[in-house]
Structures are given as C-alpha cells and as structure tokens.
Amino acid sequence: MQCCVGRVVDCRVVIVNDVQLLAGKMMEQGPVLVISFTAQEINVIHDVTGRVVDGDPVCSFTYLISSVLIISAAYLLHVSVSLSVCLLIV
C-alpha cells in the first residue's frame, strides 16, 4: 500500500500461535465464541530504497475476539465480529 510519495506501508501477519477457545455460550442471536491468539506481525514503512523509516520489523500481539455466529436463511455460515481487542506484548 502506498502511504505517500516514495513510501510504502508493509503490514502482514507472519505467524499465528496459541489459538485458544476461551468460552462459548448459546445466546438468543446464536452461539457466541471468545477466542484468543497471538500473532507475529510486520508493521513498517519503507522508503524508495527499501530501508525501514518507521515501525518495527516484527511485533508480537495478542488478540481477544468475541464473535456471534449467524446462520442465514440459505444455511450459510456468516461470522460477525462484535468485539476485537488488541494488546501489545513486549
């Protein structure tokens, strides 16, 4: 992604670890799941020469996601993420 002239944003997930289903409950709108996982990500900005001018090459984040699974009339499974919290682990 281009952020400004001569700069390129590089954001990608390198690996996902420690996926855990923390809770599950049947609610009126459907089943609710709480899932946590750790992801190592690259979040940097490069200049035209490829040199990193901002950001960290590899960061570790822990995500906690609560989602409601909704089954449509066509019996297709749709995921609606209702809450997403990102915590930086140093």
Protein backbone atom coordinates (compact mmCIF):
# COMPACT_ATOMS: atom_id res chain seq x y z
CA MET A 1 0.00 0.00 0.00
CA GLN A 2 1.32 3.47 -0.92
CA CYS A 3 1.11 5.95 2.00
CA CYS A 4 2.82 8.98 0.49
CA VAL A 5 5.26 9.71 -2.35
CA GLY A 6 8.23 7.37 -2.09
CA ARG A 7 6.92 5.48 0.95
CA VAL A 8 5.33 2.04 1.07
CA VAL A 9 3.42 0.55 4.03
CA ASP A 10 4.24 -3.12 4.71
CA CYS A 11 1.74 -4.76 7.10
CA ARG A 12 1.44 -8.53 7.20
CA VAL A 13 0.93 -11.41 9.58
CA VAL A 14 3.97 -13.69 9.77
CA ILE A 15 2.61 -16.44 12.03
CA VAL A 16 -0.39 -17.15 14.29
CA ASN A 17 0.20 -19.13 17.51
CA ASP A 18 -1.56 -20.18 20.71
CA VAL A 19 -5.12 -20.22 19.36
CA GLN A 20 -7.49 -20.93 22.25
CA LEU A 21 -11.25 -21.17 22.56
CA LEU A 22 -11.78 -19.41 25.91
CA ALA A 23 -15.57 -19.54 26.15
CA GLY A 24 -18.69 -20.48 24.27
CA LYS A 25 -22.30 -19.75 25.09
CA MET A 26 -25.63 -20.14 23.34
CA MET A 27 -27.38 -16.77 23.18
CA GLU A 28 -30.68 -15.61 21.66
CA GLN A 29 -28.93 -14.34 18.49
CA GLY A 30 -26.86 -17.53 18.14
CA PRO A 31 -23.70 -19.10 19.58
CA VAL A 32 -21.10 -16.67 20.96
CA LEU A 33 -17.42 -17.69 20.96
CA VAL A 34 -14.48 -16.00 22.69
CA ILE A 35 -11.16 -16.80 21.03
CA SER A 36 -7.63 -15.62 21.81
CA PHE A 37 -4.47 -15.95 19.73
CA THR A 38 -1.00 -14.49 19.36
CA ALA A 39 0.23 -13.15 16.04
CA GLN A 40 3.67 -12.01 14.94
CA GLU A 41 3.25 -9.14 12.50
CA ILE A 42 5.37 -6.86 10.36
CA ASN A 43 4.23 -3.22 10.53
CA VAL A 44 6.73 -0.91 8.82
CA ILE A 45 7.04 1.90 6.29
CA HIS A 46 9.79 1.61 3.64
CA ASP A 47 11.36 4.40 1.60
CA VAL A 48 12.13 4.05 -2.14
CA THR A 49 15.40 2.21 -1.38
CA GLY A 50 13.62 -0.38 0.81
CA ARG A 51 15.04 0.99 4.06
CA VAL A 52 12.67 0.91 7.06
CA VAL A 53 11.86 4.51 8.04
CA ASP A 54 9.12 3.83 10.63
CA GLY A 55 7.71 0.91 12.60
CA ASP A 56 9.03 -2.38 13.93
CA PRO A 57 10.06 -5.28 11.67
CA VAL A 58 8.41 -7.95 13.86
CA CYS A 59 5.95 -7.29 16.70
CA SER A 60 4.02 -9.77 18.79
CA PHE A 61 0.34 -9.02 19.51
CA THR A 62 -2.30 -10.92 21.47
CA TYR A 63 -5.85 -10.67 20.15
CA LEU A 64 -9.06 -11.42 22.04
CA ILE A 65 -12.09 -11.76 19.76
CA SER A 66 -15.71 -12.31 20.66
CA SER A 67 -17.90 -13.31 17.75
CA VAL A 68 -21.50 -14.27 17.09
CA LEU A 69 -22.12 -16.98 14.52
CA ILE A 70 -25.24 -16.33 12.47
CA ILE A 71 -26.82 -18.90 10.14
CA SER A 72 -28.62 -17.23 7.25
CA ALA A 73 -31.84 -18.38 5.56
CA ALA A 74 -29.69 -20.03 2.88
CA TYR A 75 -27.94 -22.03 5.65
CA LEU A 76 -24.61 -20.31 5.01
CA LEU A 77 -22.41 -19.57 8.00
CA HIS A 78 -21.59 -15.89 8.47
CA VAL A 79 -19.26 -14.58 11.18
CA SER A 80 -19.99 -11.21 12.73
CA VAL A 81 -17.16 -9.94 14.91
CA SER A 82 -18.68 -7.96 17.76
CA LEU A 83 -15.54 -7.12 19.77
CA SER A 84 -11.86 -7.04 18.95
CA VAL A 85 -9.18 -6.03 21.46
CA CYS A 86 -5.51 -5.80 20.56
CA LEU A 87 -2.81 -5.84 23.26
CA LEU A 88 0.91 -5.29 22.62
CA ILE A 89 3.19 -7.77 24.36
CA VAL A 90 6.74 -6.55 24.82
